Amino acid sequence: MKKELIICIIIIILIILGNILTEKYTANSVKSILESLSELREEIINNFENINREESLEKVKKIEEDWKKYYYLLAYFIEHDELEKIETSLIGIESYIEAEEYGEGIAKIDESVFILQHIEKKYRVSLQNVF
């Protein structure tokens, strides 16, 4: 009986530690991408009339590279549908900037921000998510 209790306690501790680690990694990943998207959005809004298209495309490609780094670990514990939504939005941002449709690009950036915030809230431990 004592042996089974110790095994159960160890398993519960491992689950809690795993949850803490995945939650922190998700929060840090989302924060990093959100900061990059916010900078891009501000740059587009502040320089709407004379945007440096090439510079903006480089920033989008950097964001996509950062996302790919995070994606591989996030894919272990987050639904692939959620992650694919982000990838689709990032590709949309790049396409709109290439086509010089900056208003639509801002809309896609806002969509990406919403999805990232949704992912972070969905995988955070809270009473709302438990029940």
Foldseek 3Di string as FASTA:
>chain_A
DVVVVVVVVVVVVVVVVVLVVLLVLLVVLLVVLLVLLVVLLVLCVVPVPDHPLVVSLVSLVVSVVSLVVSCVVNVVPADVVLSVLLVVLSVVLNVCSVVSVVVVNSVSSVVNNVSSVVRSVQSDDDPVNVD
